[in-house]
Amino acid sequence: MVDWDKCHAVERIPGKHSGDWLFTKTRVPISALFGNLAEGANVKEFLDWFQGVEEWQVKAVLEHVAQDLDTRTNHESPA
């Protein structure tokens, strides 16, 4: 599981949007980004559809996930 506490582009506020991780200063959950990308949208479309989310936030979230995957891959035990 990704540790979102270390990503400056997101926040979790108890009572706000069911405690989901949101892009900072928005009500847009980060799950919306991944859901839209999985359905074939690109980042520009996502930014057009979710006003208030900034490009630097999307890049930071994607970079954070990529770093997490790299860390996990580098710490896996050989089979």
PDB file of N, CA and C in Angstrom:
ATOM      1  N   MET A   1       0.833  -1.173   0.000  1.00  0.00           N
ATOM      2  CA  MET A   1       0.000   0.000   0.000  1.00  0.00           C
ATOM      3  C   MET A   1       0.891   1.254   0.000  1.00  0.00           C
ATOM      4  N   VAL A   2       0.513   2.228  -0.775  1.00  0.00           N
ATOM      5  CA  VAL A   2       1.278   3.465  -0.900  1.00  0.00           C
ATOM      6  C   VAL A   2       1.094   4.309   0.360  1.00  0.00           C
ATOM      7  N   ASP A   3       2.191   4.869   0.860  1.00  0.00           N
ATOM      8  CA  ASP A   3       2.149   5.752   2.024  1.00  0.00           C
ATOM      9  C   ASP A   3       1.934   7.183   1.537  1.00  0.00           C
ATOM     10  N   TRP A   4       0.687   7.612   1.508  1.00  0.00           N
ATOM     11  CA  TRP A   4       0.355   8.938   0.985  1.00  0.00           C
ATOM     12  C   TRP A   4       0.762  10.062   1.919  1.00  0.00           C
ATOM     13  N   ASP A   5       1.062   9.750   3.180  1.00  0.00           N
ATOM     14  CA  ASP A   5       1.490  10.784   4.117  1.00  0.00           C
ATOM     15  C   ASP A   5       2.742  11.507   3.632  1.00  0.00           C
ATOM     16  N   LYS A   6       3.510  10.873   2.787  1.00  0.00           N
ATOM     17  CA  LYS A   6       4.771  11.457   2.310  1.00  0.00           C
ATOM     18  C   LYS A   6       4.636  12.197   0.983  1.00  0.00           C
ATOM     19  N   CYS A   7       3.424  12.357   0.492  1.00  0.00           N
ATOM     20  CA  CYS A   7       3.185  13.043  -0.783  1.00  0.00           C
ATOM     21  C   CYS A   7       2.556  14.399  -0.498  1.00  0.00           C
ATOM     22  N   HIS A   8       3.250  15.468  -0.844  1.00  0.00           N
ATOM     23  CA  HIS A   8       2.801  16.837  -0.549  1.00  0.00           C
ATOM     24  C   HIS A   8       1.629  17.301  -1.399  1.00  0.00           C
ATOM     25  N   ALA A   9       1.252  16.544  -2.398  1.00  0.00           N
ATOM     26  CA  ALA A   9       0.170  16.950  -3.303  1.00  0.00           C
ATOM     27  C   ALA A   9      -1.201  16.471  -2.856  1.00  0.00           C
ATOM     28  N   VAL A  10      -1.238  15.687  -1.769  1.00  0.00           N
ATOM     29  CA  VAL A  10      -2.508  15.133  -1.299  1.00  0.00           C
ATOM     30  C   VAL A  10      -2.689  15.395   0.186  1.00  0.00           C
ATOM     31  N   GLU A  11      -3.951  15.285   0.620  1.00  0.00           N
ATOM     32  CA  GLU A  11      -4.260  15.454   2.034  1.00  0.00           C
ATOM     33  C   GLU A  11      -5.437  14.560   2.401  1.00  0.00           C
ATOM     34  N   ARG A  12      -5.509  14.251   3.675  1.00  0.00           N
ATOM     35  CA  ARG A  12      -6.644  13.485   4.205  1.00  0.00           C
ATOM     36  C   ARG A  12      -7.132  14.230   5.441  1.00  0.00           C
ATOM     37  N   ILE A  13      -8.380  14.639   5.379  1.00  0.00           N
ATOM     38  CA  ILE A  13      -8.968  15.380   6.488  1.00  0.00           C
ATOM     39  C   ILE A  13     -10.178  14.599   6.978  1.00  0.00           C
ATOM     40  N   PRO A  14     -10.130  14.151   8.230  1.00  0.00           N
ATOM     41  CA  PRO A  14     -11.277  13.407   8.765  1.00  0.00           C
ATOM     42  C   PRO A  14     -12.570  14.205   8.589  1.00  0.00           C
ATOM     43  N   GLY A  15     -13.585  13.546   8.107  1.00  0.00           N
ATOM     44  CA  GLY A  15     -14.883  14.190   7.907  1.00  0.00           C
ATOM     45  C   GLY A  15     -15.041  14.864   6.557  1.00  0.00           C
ATOM     46  N   LYS A  16     -13.959  15.010   5.817  1.00  0.00           N
ATOM     47  CA  LYS A  16     -14.029  15.619   4.485  1.00  0.00           C
ATOM     48  C   LYS A  16     -13.970  14.501   3.458  1.00  0.00           C
ATOM     49  N   HIS A  17     -15.024  14.363   2.694  1.00  0.00           N
ATOM     50  CA  HIS A  17     -15.113  13.350   1.627  1.00  0.00           C
ATOM     51  C   HIS A  17     -14.810  11.954   2.152  1.00  0.00           C
ATOM     52  N   SER A  18     -15.423  11.601   3.264  1.00  0.00           N
ATOM     53  CA  SER A  18     -15.312  10.270   3.885  1.00  0.00           C
ATOM     54  C   SER A  18     -13.882   9.897   4.278  1.00  0.00           C
ATOM     55  N   GLY A  19     -13.017  10.880   4.446  1.00  0.00           N
ATOM     56  CA  GLY A  19     -11.645  10.600   4.850  1.00  0.00           C
ATOM     57  C   GLY A  19     -10.764  10.079   3.733  1.00  0.00           C
ATOM     58  N   ASP A  20     -11.237  10.182   2.482  1.00  0.00           N
ATOM     59  CA  ASP A  20     -10.423   9.747   1.333  1.00  0.00           C
ATOM     60  C   ASP A  20      -9.215  10.666   1.166  1.00  0.00           C
ATOM     61  N   TRP A  21      -8.196  10.160   0.509  1.00  0.00           N
ATOM     62  CA  TRP A  21      -7.064  11.001   0.137  1.00  0.00           C
ATOM     63  C   TRP A  21      -7.504  11.884  -1.026  1.00  0.00           C
ATOM     64  N   LEU A  22      -7.315  13.179  -0.868  1.00  0.00           N
ATOM     65  CA  LEU A  22      -7.738  14.166  -1.859  1.00  0.00           C
ATOM     66  C   LEU A  22      -6.544  14.960  -2.352  1.00  0.00           C
ATOM     67  N   PHE A  23      -6.667  15.486  -3.557  1.00  0.00           N
ATOM     68  CA  PHE A  23      -5.688  16.463  -4.002  1.00  0.00           C
ATOM     69  C   PHE A  23      -5.821  17.666  -3.069  1.00  0.00           C
ATOM     70  N   THR A  24      -4.708  18.225  -2.621  1.00  0.00           N
ATOM     71  CA  THR A  24      -4.744  19.309  -1.642  1.00  0.00           C
ATOM     72  C   THR A  24      -5.626  20.458  -2.114  1.00  0.00           C
ATOM     73  N   LYS A  25      -6.361  20.991  -1.147  1.00  0.00           N
ATOM     74  CA  LYS A  25      -7.248  22.142  -1.338  1.00  0.00           C
ATOM     75  C   LYS A  25      -8.352  21.891  -2.364  1.00  0.00           C
ATOM     76  N   THR A  26      -8.733  20.609  -2.544  1.00  0.00           N
ATOM     77  CA  THR A  26      -9.841  20.250  -3.438  1.00  0.00           C
ATOM     78  C   THR A  26     -10.710  19.227  -2.726  1.00  0.00           C
ATOM     79  N   ARG A  27     -11.782  18.845  -3.380  1.00  0.00           N
ATOM     80  CA  ARG A  27     -12.602  17.731  -2.909  1.00  0.00           C
ATOM     81  C   ARG A  27     -12.481  16.551  -3.892  1.00  0.00           C
ATOM     82  N   VAL A  28     -11.426  16.550  -4.678  1.00  0.00           N
ATOM     83  CA  VAL A  28     -11.217  15.524  -5.707  1.00  0.00           C
ATOM     84  C   VAL A  28     -10.349  14.399  -5.132  1.00  0.00           C
ATOM     85  N   PRO A  29     -10.900  13.196  -5.017  1.00  0.00           N
ATOM     86  CA  PRO A  29     -10.095  12.074  -4.515  1.00  0.00           C
ATOM     87  C   PRO A  29      -9.056  11.632  -5.543  1.00  0.00           C
ATOM     88  N   ILE A  30      -7.915  11.196  -5.041  1.00  0.00           N
ATOM     89  CA  ILE A  30      -6.871  10.734  -5.964  1.00  0.00           C
ATOM     90  C   ILE A  30      -7.332   9.493  -6.709  1.00  0.00           C
ATOM     91  N   SER A  31      -8.276   8.765  -6.137  1.00  0.00           N
ATOM     92  CA  SER A  31      -8.808   7.587  -6.843  1.00  0.00           C
ATOM     93  C   SER A  31      -9.463   7.989  -8.162  1.00  0.00           C
ATOM     94  N   ALA A  32      -9.959   9.231  -8.255  1.00  0.00           N
ATOM     95  CA  ALA A  32     -10.557   9.705  -9.510  1.00  0.00           C
ATOM     96  C   ALA A  32      -9.509   9.750 -10.615  1.00  0.00           C
ATOM     97  N   LEU A  33      -8.287  10.126 -10.263  1.00  0.00           N
ATOM     98  CA  LEU A  33      -7.207  10.155 -11.255  1.00  0.00           C
ATOM     99  C   LEU A  33      -6.959   8.760 -11.802  1.00  0.00           C
ATOM    100  N   PHE A  34      -6.758   7.809 -10.897  1.00  0.00           N
ATOM    101  CA  PHE A  34      -6.424   6.456 -11.341  1.00  0.00           C
ATOM    102  C   PHE A  34      -7.586   5.791 -12.077  1.00  0.00           C
ATOM    103  N   GLY A  35      -8.803   6.049 -11.640  1.00  0.00           N
ATOM    104  CA  GLY A  35      -9.963   5.507 -12.331  1.00  0.00           C
ATOM    105  C   GLY A  35     -10.091   6.044 -13.741  1.00  0.00           C
ATOM    106  N   ASN A  36      -9.887   7.345 -13.897  1.00  0.00           N
ATOM    107  CA  ASN A  36      -9.981   7.946 -15.235  1.00  0.00           C
ATOM    108  C   ASN A  36      -8.842   7.498 -16.137  1.00  0.00           C
ATOM    109  N   LEU A  37      -7.637   7.389 -15.597  1.00  0.00           N
ATOM    110  CA  LEU A  37      -6.517   6.902 -16.408  1.00  0.00           C
ATOM    111  C   LEU A  37      -6.764   5.459 -16.839  1.00  0.00           C
ATOM    112  N   ALA A  38      -7.297   4.650 -15.943  1.00  0.00           N
ATOM    113  CA  ALA A  38      -7.586   3.251 -16.269  1.00  0.00           C
ATOM    114  C   ALA A  38      -8.642   3.131 -17.362  1.00  0.00           C
ATOM    115  N   GLU A  39      -9.532   4.104 -17.434  1.00  0.00           N
ATOM    116  CA  GLU A  39     -10.582   4.098 -18.458  1.00  0.00           C
ATOM    117  C   GLU A  39     -10.114   4.705 -19.782  1.00  0.00           C
ATOM    118  N   GLY A  40      -8.858   5.155 -19.843  1.00  0.00           N
ATOM    119  CA  GLY A  40      -8.311   5.645 -21.098  1.00  0.00           C
ATOM    120  C   GLY A  40      -8.132   7.153 -21.211  1.00  0.00           C
ATOM    121  N   ALA A  41      -8.497   7.881 -20.150  1.00  0.00           N
ATOM    122  CA  ALA A  41      -8.303   9.337 -20.190  1.00  0.00           C
ATOM    123  C   ALA A  41      -6.814   9.655 -20.080  1.00  0.00           C
ATOM    124  N   ASN A  42      -6.461  10.854 -20.541  1.00  0.00           N
ATOM    125  CA  ASN A  42      -5.088  11.303 -20.343  1.00  0.00           C
ATOM    126  C   ASN A  42      -5.079  12.408 -19.285  1.00  0.00           C
ATOM    127  N   VAL A  43      -3.904  12.832 -18.892  1.00  0.00           N
ATOM    128  CA  VAL A  43      -3.781  13.817 -17.821  1.00  0.00           C
ATOM    129  C   VAL A  43      -4.455  15.130 -18.195  1.00  0.00           C
ATOM    130  N   LYS A  44      -4.312  15.567 -19.425  1.00  0.00           N
ATOM    131  CA  LYS A  44      -4.939  16.830 -19.843  1.00  0.00           C
ATOM    132  C   LYS A  44      -6.455  16.755 -19.692  1.00  0.00           C
ATOM    133  N   GLU A  45      -7.038  15.641 -20.118  1.00  0.00           N
ATOM    134  CA  GLU A  45      -8.489  15.467 -19.967  1.00  0.00           C
ATOM    135  C   GLU A  45      -8.883  15.497 -18.496  1.00  0.00           C
ATOM    136  N   PHE A  46      -8.138  14.784 -17.679  1.00  0.00           N
ATOM    137  CA  PHE A  46      -8.436  14.763 -16.246  1.00  0.00           C
ATOM    138  C   PHE A  46      -8.416  16.180 -15.678  1.00  0.00           C
ATOM    139  N   LEU A  47      -7.405  16.949 -16.025  1.00  0.00           N
ATOM    140  CA  LEU A  47      -7.305  18.320 -15.521  1.00  0.00           C
ATOM    141  C   LEU A  47      -8.460  19.186 -16.019  1.00  0.00           C
ATOM    142  N   ASP A  48      -8.910  18.954 -17.240  1.00  0.00           N
ATOM    143  CA  ASP A  48     -10.064  19.690 -17.770  1.00  0.00           C
ATOM    144  C   ASP A  48     -11.343  19.324 -17.017  1.00  0.00           C
ATOM    145  N   TRP A  49     -11.493  18.065 -16.678  1.00  0.00           N
ATOM    146  CA  TRP A  49     -12.704  17.585 -16.030  1.00  0.00           C
ATOM    147  C   TRP A  49     -12.753  17.918 -14.539  1.00  0.00           C
ATOM    148  N   PHE A  50     -11.599  18.008 -13.906  1.00  0.00           N
ATOM    149  CA  PHE A  50     -11.529  18.223 -12.461  1.00  0.00           C
ATOM    150  C   PHE A  50     -10.826  19.551 -12.173  1.00  0.00           C
ATOM    151  N   GLN A  51     -11.545  20.610 -12.422  1.00  0.00           N
ATOM    152  CA  GLN A  51     -11.033  21.957 -12.200  1.00  0.00           C
ATOM    153  C   GLN A  51     -10.610  22.098 -10.734  1.00  0.00           C
ATOM    154  N   GLY A  52      -9.517  22.747 -10.514  1.00  0.00           N
ATOM    155  CA  GLY A  52      -8.988  22.916  -9.165  1.00  0.00           C
ATOM    156  C   GLY A  52      -7.781  22.038  -8.910  1.00  0.00           C
ATOM    157  N   VAL A  53      -7.723  20.896  -9.588  1.00  0.00           N
ATOM    158  CA  VAL A  53      -6.532  20.048  -9.499  1.00  0.00           C
ATOM    159  C   VAL A  53      -5.506  20.641 -10.454  1.00  0.00           C
ATOM    160  N   GLU A  54      -4.289  20.781  -9.966  1.00  0.00           N
ATOM    161  CA  GLU A  54      -3.235  21.374 -10.785  1.00  0.00           C
ATOM    162  C   GLU A  54      -2.309  20.297 -11.346  1.00  0.00           C
ATOM    163  N   GLU A  55      -1.696  20.627 -12.468  1.00  0.00           N
ATOM    164  CA  GLU A  55      -0.822  19.662 -13.141  1.00  0.00           C
ATOM    165  C   GLU A  55       0.299  19.175 -12.228  1.00  0.00           C
ATOM    166  N   TRP A  56       0.894  20.075 -11.433  1.00  0.00           N
ATOM    167  CA  TRP A  56       1.991  19.665 -10.543  1.00  0.00           C
ATOM    168  C   TRP A  56       1.513  18.614  -9.544  1.00  0.00           C
ATOM    169  N   GLN A  57       0.234  18.693  -9.143  1.00  0.00           N
ATOM    170  CA  GLN A  57      -0.305  17.711  -8.196  1.00  0.00           C
ATOM    171  C   GLN A  57      -0.404  16.337  -8.840  1.00  0.00           C
ATOM    172  N   VAL A  58      -0.905  16.302 -10.068  1.00  0.00           N
ATOM    173  CA  VAL A  58      -1.017  15.021 -10.778  1.00  0.00           C
ATOM    174  C   VAL A  58       0.371  14.419 -10.975  1.00  0.00           C
ATOM    175  N   LYS A  59       1.322  15.239 -11.405  1.00  0.00           N
ATOM    176  CA  LYS A  59       2.692  14.743 -11.599  1.00  0.00           C
ATOM    177  C   LYS A  59       3.281  14.229 -10.292  1.00  0.00           C
ATOM    178  N   ALA A  60       3.055  14.958  -9.202  1.00  0.00           N
ATOM    179  CA  ALA A  60       3.586  14.537  -7.901  1.00  0.00           C
ATOM    180  C   ALA A  60       2.985  13.200  -7.471  1.00  0.00           C
ATOM    181  N   VAL A  61       1.687  13.016  -7.682  1.00  0.00           N
ATOM    182  CA  VAL A  61       1.028  11.762  -7.315  1.00  0.00           C
ATOM    183  C   VAL A  61       1.576  10.609  -8.150  1.00  0.00           C
ATOM    184  N   LEU A  62       1.706  10.815  -9.450  1.00  0.00           N
ATOM    185  CA  LEU A  62       2.225   9.749 -10.313  1.00  0.00           C
ATOM    186  C   LEU A  62       3.681   9.429  -9.985  1.00  0.00           C
ATOM    187  N   GLU A  63       4.489  10.445  -9.704  1.00  0.00           N
ATOM    188  CA  GLU A  63       5.890  10.223  -9.325  1.00  0.00           C
ATOM    189  C   GLU A  63       5.980   9.491  -7.987  1.00  0.00           C
ATOM    190  N   HIS A  64       5.091   9.835  -7.065  1.00  0.00           N
ATOM    191  CA  HIS A  64       5.082   9.190  -5.755  1.00  0.00           C
ATOM    192  C   HIS A  64       4.784   7.694  -5.905  1.00  0.00           C
ATOM    193  N   VAL A  65       3.814   7.366  -6.739  1.00  0.00           N
ATOM    194  CA  VAL A  65       3.479   5.958  -6.978  1.00  0.00           C
ATOM    195  C   VAL A  65       4.640   5.246  -7.659  1.00  0.00           C
ATOM    196  N   ALA A  66       5.263   5.900  -8.632  1.00  0.00           N
ATOM    197  CA  ALA A  66       6.401   5.289  -9.336  1.00  0.00           C
ATOM    198  C   ALA A  66       7.554   5.017  -8.363  1.00  0.00           C
ATOM    199  N   GLN A  67       7.837   5.960  -7.476  1.00  0.00           N
ATOM    200  CA  GLN A  67       8.901   5.759  -6.488  1.00  0.00           C
ATOM    201  C   GLN A  67       8.558   4.618  -5.542  1.00  0.00           C
ATOM    202  N   ASP A  68       7.298   4.537  -5.146  1.00  0.00           N
ATOM    203  CA  ASP A  68       6.863   3.460  -4.273  1.00  0.00           C
ATOM    204  C   ASP A  68       7.065   2.105  -4.955  1.00  0.00           C
ATOM    205  N   LEU A  69       6.707   2.025  -6.234  1.00  0.00           N
ATOM    206  CA  LEU A  69       6.888   0.774  -6.976  1.00  0.00           C
ATOM    207  C   LEU A  69       8.365   0.419  -7.107  1.00  0.00           C
ATOM    208  N   ASP A  70       9.210   1.421  -7.377  1.00  0.00           N
ATOM    209  CA  ASP A  70      10.654   1.183  -7.462  1.00  0.00           C
ATOM    210  C   ASP A  70      11.196   0.653  -6.142  1.00  0.00           C
ATOM    211  N   THR A  71      10.764   1.258  -5.051  1.00  0.00           N
ATOM    212  CA  THR A  71      11.217   0.832  -3.728  1.00  0.00           C
ATOM    213  C   THR A  71      10.803  -0.603  -3.463  1.00  0.00           C
ATOM    214  N   ARG A  72       9.563  -0.923  -3.787  1.00  0.00           N
ATOM    215  CA  ARG A  72       9.075  -2.291  -3.566  1.00  0.00           C
ATOM    216  C   ARG A  72       9.836  -3.293  -4.435  1.00  0.00           C
ATOM    217  N   THR A  73      10.076  -2.932  -5.681  1.00  0.00           N
ATOM    218  CA  THR A  73      10.784  -3.822  -6.592  1.00  0.00           C
ATOM    219  C   THR A  73      12.206  -4.073  -6.130  1.00  0.00           C
ATOM    220  N   ASN A  74      12.875  -3.031  -5.654  1.00  0.00           N
ATOM    221  CA  ASN A  74      14.262  -3.154  -5.211  1.00  0.00           C
ATOM    222  C   ASN A  74      14.402  -3.892  -3.887  1.00  0.00           C
ATOM    223  N   HIS A  75      13.324  -4.005  -3.110  1.00  0.00           N
ATOM    224  CA  HIS A  75      13.390  -4.686  -1.817  1.00  0.00           C
ATOM    225  C   HIS A  75      12.774  -6.075  -1.838  1.00  0.00           C
ATOM    226  N   GLU A  76      12.312  -6.515  -3.005  1.00  0.00           N
ATOM    227  CA  GLU A  76      11.733  -7.855  -3.081  1.00  0.00           C
ATOM    228  C   GLU A  76      12.830  -8.892  -2.976  1.00  0.00           C
ATOM    229  N   SER A  77      12.502 -10.002  -2.354  1.00  0.00           N
ATOM    230  CA  SER A  77      13.459 -11.112  -2.246  1.00  0.00           C
ATOM    231  C   SER A  77      13.531 -11.841  -3.573  1.00  0.00           C
ATOM    232  N   PRO A  78      14.713 -12.301  -3.944  1.00  0.00           N
ATOM    233  CA  PRO A  78      14.815 -13.086  -5.177  1.00  0.00           C
ATOM    234  C   PRO A  78      14.013 -14.382  -5.056  1.00  0.00           C
ATOM    235  N   ALA A  79      13.427 -14.797  -6.152  1.00  0.00           N
ATOM    236  CA  ALA A  79      12.593 -16.013  -6.141  1.00  0.00           C
ATOM    237  C   ALA A  79      13.431 -17.253  -6.138  1.00  0.00           C
TER     238      ALA A  79
END
